[in-house]
Amino acid sequence: MTQLEIHQFPCLKDNYGVLVHDGASGVTLSIDAPEADAVRRALDERGWQLTHILVTHHHADHTAGIAPLKAETGCLVIGPRDEAQRVPNLDRTVAEPDVLSLGGIEIKVLDTPGHTLGHVTYWLETAKVAFVGDTLFAMGCGRILEGTPEMMWQSLKKIAALPRDTLLYCGHEYTVANAKFGVSIEPDNAALRERLAEAEAKRADGLATVPTRVDLELDTNVFLRVQRQEVRERVGLPLAGDCKVFADLRERKNRF
């Protein structure tokens, strides 16, 4: 794989947009399109021409910019097969185990439903990067809006099984709130407390707290740590199955 440039930028209230650029071929991908103006500004700053939009799921805060950007650039829009009727201007649909070859960029498609029924993750294995949308967040996970706890749990396990040094780009800046919830469940997790302090300091300076990384999430994301006895004891489910513990944690986070 050629050397890639990745540029992340804020959109809307707390979304992130991401551009991926292959200098050799000129291919430039937008991961989702939360806001057309923000994507345009990012492209202009870098001097890149948009060629593709890769959609993780159908929610408007990830798709609102698609129509104007496609009209202006003629870019190819690729998105989840199981949400083809809900994503505007799709040119191509994908699902696991599809592999995209765009310029010098090879992208594996992973099905990661739960937040929505057709949500997908885009994994650039050689570049050690995955774009996980609203399935996993730094020290958190997405709300289960369309799927089931079992769907979301299996999707999180799939992401957690990626190589430990894989960078994870997620769709929102929710890190501080997620970390505070995590500390309420694992008050003795020193790594989690340290990450909370780091995230608070970054946000105070107006800096992003993502991307995150698989190994960091395994150490500090309570939703990936349901097998740990202290987590089970904390929620009063010492003998329950992993998915039941996960579902309980997700409900607690909803009320946190």
Protein backbone atom coordinates (compact mmCIF):
# COMPACT_ATOMS: atom_id res chain seq x y z
CA MET A 1 0.00 0.00 0.00
CA THR A 2 1.20 3.50 -0.77
CA GLN A 3 1.74 6.01 2.00
CA LEU A 4 -1.61 7.49 2.96
CA GLU A 5 -2.46 10.86 4.42
CA ILE A 6 -5.37 10.98 6.83
CA HIS A 7 -6.97 14.26 7.88
CA GLN A 8 -9.63 14.42 10.60
CA PHE A 9 -11.72 17.54 11.21
CA PRO A 10 -14.75 18.52 13.32
CA CYS A 11 -18.24 18.74 11.83
CA LEU A 12 -21.63 19.79 13.19
CA LYS A 13 -21.86 19.72 17.01
CA ASP A 14 -19.63 16.77 17.90
CA ASN A 15 -19.12 14.76 14.70
CA TYR A 16 -15.82 14.11 12.97
CA GLY A 17 -15.19 13.96 9.24
CA VAL A 18 -12.15 12.18 7.85
CA LEU A 19 -10.37 12.41 4.50
CA VAL A 20 -8.03 9.66 3.30
CA HIS A 21 -5.68 10.60 0.45
CA ASP A 22 -3.45 8.41 -1.71
CA GLY A 23 -0.87 10.76 -3.22
CA ALA A 24 0.23 8.31 -5.90
CA SER A 25 -3.20 7.86 -7.47
CA GLY A 26 -4.90 11.07 -6.35
CA VAL A 27 -7.75 9.08 -4.82
CA THR A 28 -9.35 10.95 -1.91
CA LEU A 29 -11.98 9.33 0.27
CA SER A 30 -14.37 11.03 2.65
CA ILE A 31 -15.45 8.72 5.45
CA ASP A 32 -19.11 9.69 5.72
CA ALA A 33 -20.15 13.25 4.86
CA PRO A 34 -21.65 14.84 7.96
CA GLU A 35 -21.56 18.39 6.61
CA ALA A 36 -20.76 19.45 3.04
CA ASP A 37 -19.19 22.80 3.99
CA ALA A 38 -16.79 21.22 6.47
CA VAL A 39 -15.72 18.58 3.93
CA ARG A 40 -15.21 21.28 1.27
CA ARG A 41 -13.04 23.34 3.62
CA ALA A 42 -10.93 20.29 4.52
CA LEU A 43 -10.45 19.44 0.85
CA ASP A 44 -9.50 23.02 0.00
CA GLU A 45 -7.01 23.21 2.89
CA ARG A 46 -5.25 20.12 1.61
CA GLY A 47 -5.59 20.78 -2.09
CA TRP A 48 -7.27 17.42 -2.63
CA GLN A 49 -10.04 16.44 -5.06
CA LEU A 50 -12.80 14.26 -3.66
CA THR A 51 -13.20 10.97 -5.53
CA HIS A 52 -15.20 8.73 -3.16
CA ILE A 53 -17.48 8.87 -0.12
CA LEU A 54 -17.52 5.75 2.06
CA VAL A 55 -20.66 5.62 4.21
CA THR A 56 -20.74 3.73 7.51
CA HIS A 57 -24.49 4.03 8.16
CA HIS A 58 -27.57 5.96 7.13
CA HIS A 59 -28.02 8.51 9.92
CA ALA A 60 -28.36 12.09 8.69
CA ASP A 61 -25.40 13.35 10.72
CA HIS A 62 -23.25 11.04 8.59
CA THR A 63 -24.95 11.48 5.22
CA ALA A 64 -26.28 15.05 4.97
CA GLY A 65 -23.35 16.23 2.88
CA ILE A 66 -23.49 13.46 0.29
CA ALA A 67 -25.89 14.98 -2.25
CA PRO A 68 -24.20 18.39 -2.62
CA LEU A 69 -20.69 16.90 -2.64
CA LYS A 70 -21.63 14.35 -5.28
CA ALA A 71 -23.29 17.03 -7.40
CA GLU A 72 -20.18 19.20 -7.25
CA THR A 73 -17.45 16.56 -7.67
CA GLY A 74 -19.05 13.54 -9.34
CA CYS A 75 -17.56 11.38 -6.58
CA LEU A 76 -18.52 7.71 -6.25
CA VAL A 77 -20.67 6.99 -3.18
CA ILE A 78 -20.21 3.58 -1.54
CA GLY A 79 -22.26 2.40 1.41
CA PRO A 80 -23.80 -0.52 3.30
CA ARG A 81 -25.84 -2.97 1.25
CA ASP A 82 -28.39 -3.46 4.02
CA GLU A 83 -29.13 0.28 4.11
CA ALA A 84 -29.21 0.89 0.37
CA GLN A 85 -32.71 2.38 0.49
CA ARG A 86 -31.78 4.75 3.32
CA VAL A 87 -28.53 6.29 2.06
CA PRO A 88 -28.88 8.97 -0.64
CA ASN A 89 -27.08 8.84 -3.98
CA LEU A 90 -25.45 5.43 -3.51
CA ASP A 91 -23.49 4.18 -6.51
CA ARG A 92 -22.23 0.94 -5.03
CA THR A 93 -23.20 -1.18 -2.04
CA VAL A 94 -20.87 -3.29 0.07
CA ALA A 95 -20.99 -5.83 2.86
CA GLU A 96 -18.59 -8.25 4.52
CA PRO A 97 -16.41 -9.84 3.09
CA ASP A 98 -16.13 -7.34 0.22
CA VAL A 99 -12.73 -5.77 -0.43
CA LEU A 100 -12.45 -2.39 -2.16
CA SER A 101 -9.40 -1.42 -4.20
CA LEU A 102 -9.45 2.34 -4.73
CA GLY A 103 -6.25 3.70 -6.21
CA GLY A 104 -3.54 2.31 -3.97
CA ILE A 105 -5.94 1.81 -1.06
CA GLU A 106 -7.24 -1.66 -0.15
CA ILE A 107 -10.21 -1.63 2.18
CA LYS A 108 -11.88 -4.60 3.84
CA VAL A 109 -15.56 -4.21 4.69
CA LEU A 110 -16.73 -5.53 8.06
CA ASP A 111 -20.39 -5.85 9.00
CA THR A 112 -20.82 -4.14 12.39
CA PRO A 113 -24.58 -3.82 13.01
CA GLY A 114 -26.21 -2.80 16.25
CA HIS A 115 -26.32 0.98 16.19
CA THR A 116 -28.12 0.54 12.88
CA LEU A 117 -29.02 -2.72 11.16
CA GLY A 118 -26.64 -2.30 8.22
CA HIS A 119 -23.72 -0.43 9.80
CA VAL A 120 -20.31 -1.28 8.29
CA THR A 121 -16.70 -0.64 9.28
CA TYR A 122 -13.93 0.04 6.76
CA TRP A 123 -10.63 -1.62 7.67
CA LEU A 124 -7.38 -0.65 5.94
CA GLU A 125 -5.38 -3.59 7.21
CA THR A 126 -2.00 -2.67 5.75
CA ALA A 127 -2.30 0.92 6.96
CA LYS A 128 -3.41 -0.32 10.42
CA VAL A 129 -6.50 1.91 10.40
CA ALA A 130 -10.22 1.22 10.76
CA PHE A 131 -13.14 3.61 10.41
CA VAL A 132 -15.74 2.34 12.86
CA GLY A 133 -18.47 5.00 12.55
CA ASP A 134 -20.81 4.88 15.54
CA THR A 135 -20.17 1.29 16.58
CA LEU A 136 -17.23 1.91 18.90
CA PHE A 137 -16.15 5.19 20.47
CA ALA A 138 -13.12 6.01 22.56
CA MET A 139 -13.95 4.26 25.85
CA GLY A 140 -17.53 3.75 24.71
CA CYS A 141 -19.88 2.35 22.09
CA GLY A 142 -22.87 3.53 20.12
CA ARG A 143 -26.45 3.36 21.29
CA ILE A 144 -28.36 0.31 20.10
CA LEU A 145 -31.00 2.08 18.04
CA GLU A 146 -32.03 -0.56 15.50
CA GLY A 147 -30.24 -3.77 16.33
CA THR A 148 -30.04 -5.95 19.41
CA PRO A 149 -27.49 -6.15 22.24
CA GLU A 150 -26.23 -9.40 20.74
CA MET A 151 -25.63 -7.71 17.36
CA MET A 152 -23.73 -4.86 18.96
CA TRP A 153 -21.72 -7.15 21.20
CA GLN A 154 -20.63 -9.27 18.25
CA SER A 155 -19.71 -6.11 16.31
CA LEU A 156 -17.62 -4.80 19.20
CA LYS A 157 -15.85 -8.13 19.54
CA LYS A 158 -15.02 -8.02 15.83
CA ILE A 159 -13.40 -4.59 16.18
CA ALA A 160 -11.63 -5.59 19.40
CA ALA A 161 -10.12 -8.59 17.57
CA LEU A 162 -8.31 -6.37 15.06
CA PRO A 163 -4.53 -6.08 15.56
CA ARG A 164 -3.80 -4.23 18.78
CA ASP A 165 -1.97 -1.38 17.05
CA THR A 166 -4.89 -0.58 14.73
CA LEU A 167 -5.97 3.07 14.89
CA LEU A 168 -9.73 3.47 15.27
CA TYR A 169 -11.43 6.54 13.85
CA CYS A 170 -14.95 6.99 15.21
CA GLY A 171 -17.76 9.35 14.31
CA HIS A 172 -18.10 11.52 17.42
CA GLU A 173 -16.27 13.31 20.22
CA TYR A 174 -17.81 11.53 23.22
CA THR A 175 -14.63 10.56 25.02
CA VAL A 176 -14.90 12.50 28.28
CA ALA A 177 -18.48 11.39 28.96
CA ASN A 178 -17.60 7.80 28.09
CA ALA A 179 -14.57 7.84 30.37
CA LYS A 180 -16.60 9.23 33.28
CA PHE A 181 -19.07 6.38 32.87
CA GLY A 182 -16.22 3.90 32.69
CA VAL A 183 -14.74 5.20 35.94
CA SER A 184 -18.13 4.75 37.62
CA ILE A 185 -17.89 1.04 36.75
CA GLU A 186 -14.13 0.54 37.18
CA PRO A 187 -13.04 3.11 39.78
CA ASP A 188 -9.76 1.28 40.40
CA ASN A 189 -8.69 1.15 36.73
CA ALA A 190 -5.64 3.44 36.77
CA ALA A 191 -5.28 3.43 32.97
CA LEU A 192 -8.89 4.52 32.61
CA ARG A 193 -8.48 7.35 35.10
CA GLU A 194 -5.35 8.49 33.29
CA ARG A 195 -7.15 8.53 29.95
CA LEU A 196 -10.00 10.53 31.46
CA ALA A 197 -7.56 13.16 32.71
CA GLU A 198 -5.83 13.27 29.32
CA ALA A 199 -9.15 13.60 27.49
CA GLU A 200 -10.31 16.42 29.76
CA ALA A 201 -7.05 18.28 29.19
CA LYS A 202 -7.27 17.88 25.42
CA ARG A 203 -10.86 19.07 25.27
CA ALA A 204 -10.01 22.08 27.44
CA ASP A 205 -7.47 22.98 24.77
CA GLY A 206 -9.93 22.36 21.95
CA LEU A 207 -8.11 19.24 20.76
CA ALA A 208 -9.56 15.97 19.50
CA THR A 209 -9.31 12.85 21.67
CA VAL A 210 -9.59 10.45 18.72
CA PRO A 211 -8.47 8.39 16.92
CA THR A 212 -8.04 5.78 19.56
CA ARG A 213 -6.31 2.39 19.28
CA VAL A 214 -7.40 -1.20 19.85
CA ASP A 215 -4.96 -1.85 22.70
CA LEU A 216 -6.05 1.31 24.53
CA GLU A 217 -9.69 0.29 24.22
CA LEU A 218 -9.00 -3.21 25.55
CA ASP A 219 -7.43 -1.63 28.64
CA THR A 220 -9.97 1.16 29.26
CA ASN A 221 -13.26 0.61 27.42
CA VAL A 222 -15.61 -0.99 29.91
CA PHE A 223 -17.83 -2.29 27.11
CA LEU A 224 -14.94 -4.50 25.94
CA ARG A 225 -14.13 -5.63 29.49
CA VAL A 226 -17.30 -7.50 30.40
CA GLN A 227 -15.35 -10.70 31.11
CA ARG A 228 -13.50 -9.06 34.00
CA GLN A 229 -14.87 -10.16 37.34
CA GLU A 230 -14.70 -6.68 38.88
CA VAL A 231 -16.96 -5.36 36.11
CA ARG A 232 -19.40 -8.23 36.58
CA GLU A 233 -19.48 -7.73 40.33
CA ARG A 234 -20.03 -4.00 39.92
CA VAL A 235 -23.22 -4.55 37.91
CA GLY A 236 -24.39 -7.46 40.04
CA LEU A 237 -24.05 -10.10 37.32
CA PRO A 238 -21.10 -12.22 38.43
CA LEU A 239 -22.22 -15.38 36.60
CA ALA A 240 -24.06 -13.93 33.60
CA GLY A 241 -23.07 -14.38 29.98
CA ASP A 242 -20.93 -11.74 28.32
CA CYS A 243 -23.75 -10.32 26.21
CA LYS A 244 -26.03 -9.93 29.22
CA VAL A 245 -23.34 -7.98 31.07
CA PHE A 246 -22.77 -5.84 27.98
CA ALA A 247 -26.51 -5.15 27.62
CA ASP A 248 -26.71 -4.12 31.27
CA LEU A 249 -23.76 -1.75 30.84
CA ARG A 250 -25.31 -0.20 27.73
CA GLU A 251 -28.56 0.43 29.59
CA ARG A 252 -26.65 1.99 32.48
CA LYS A 253 -24.82 4.28 30.07
CA ASN A 254 -28.15 5.32 28.54
CA ARG A 255 -29.20 6.57 31.99
CA PHE A 256 -25.82 7.93 33.09
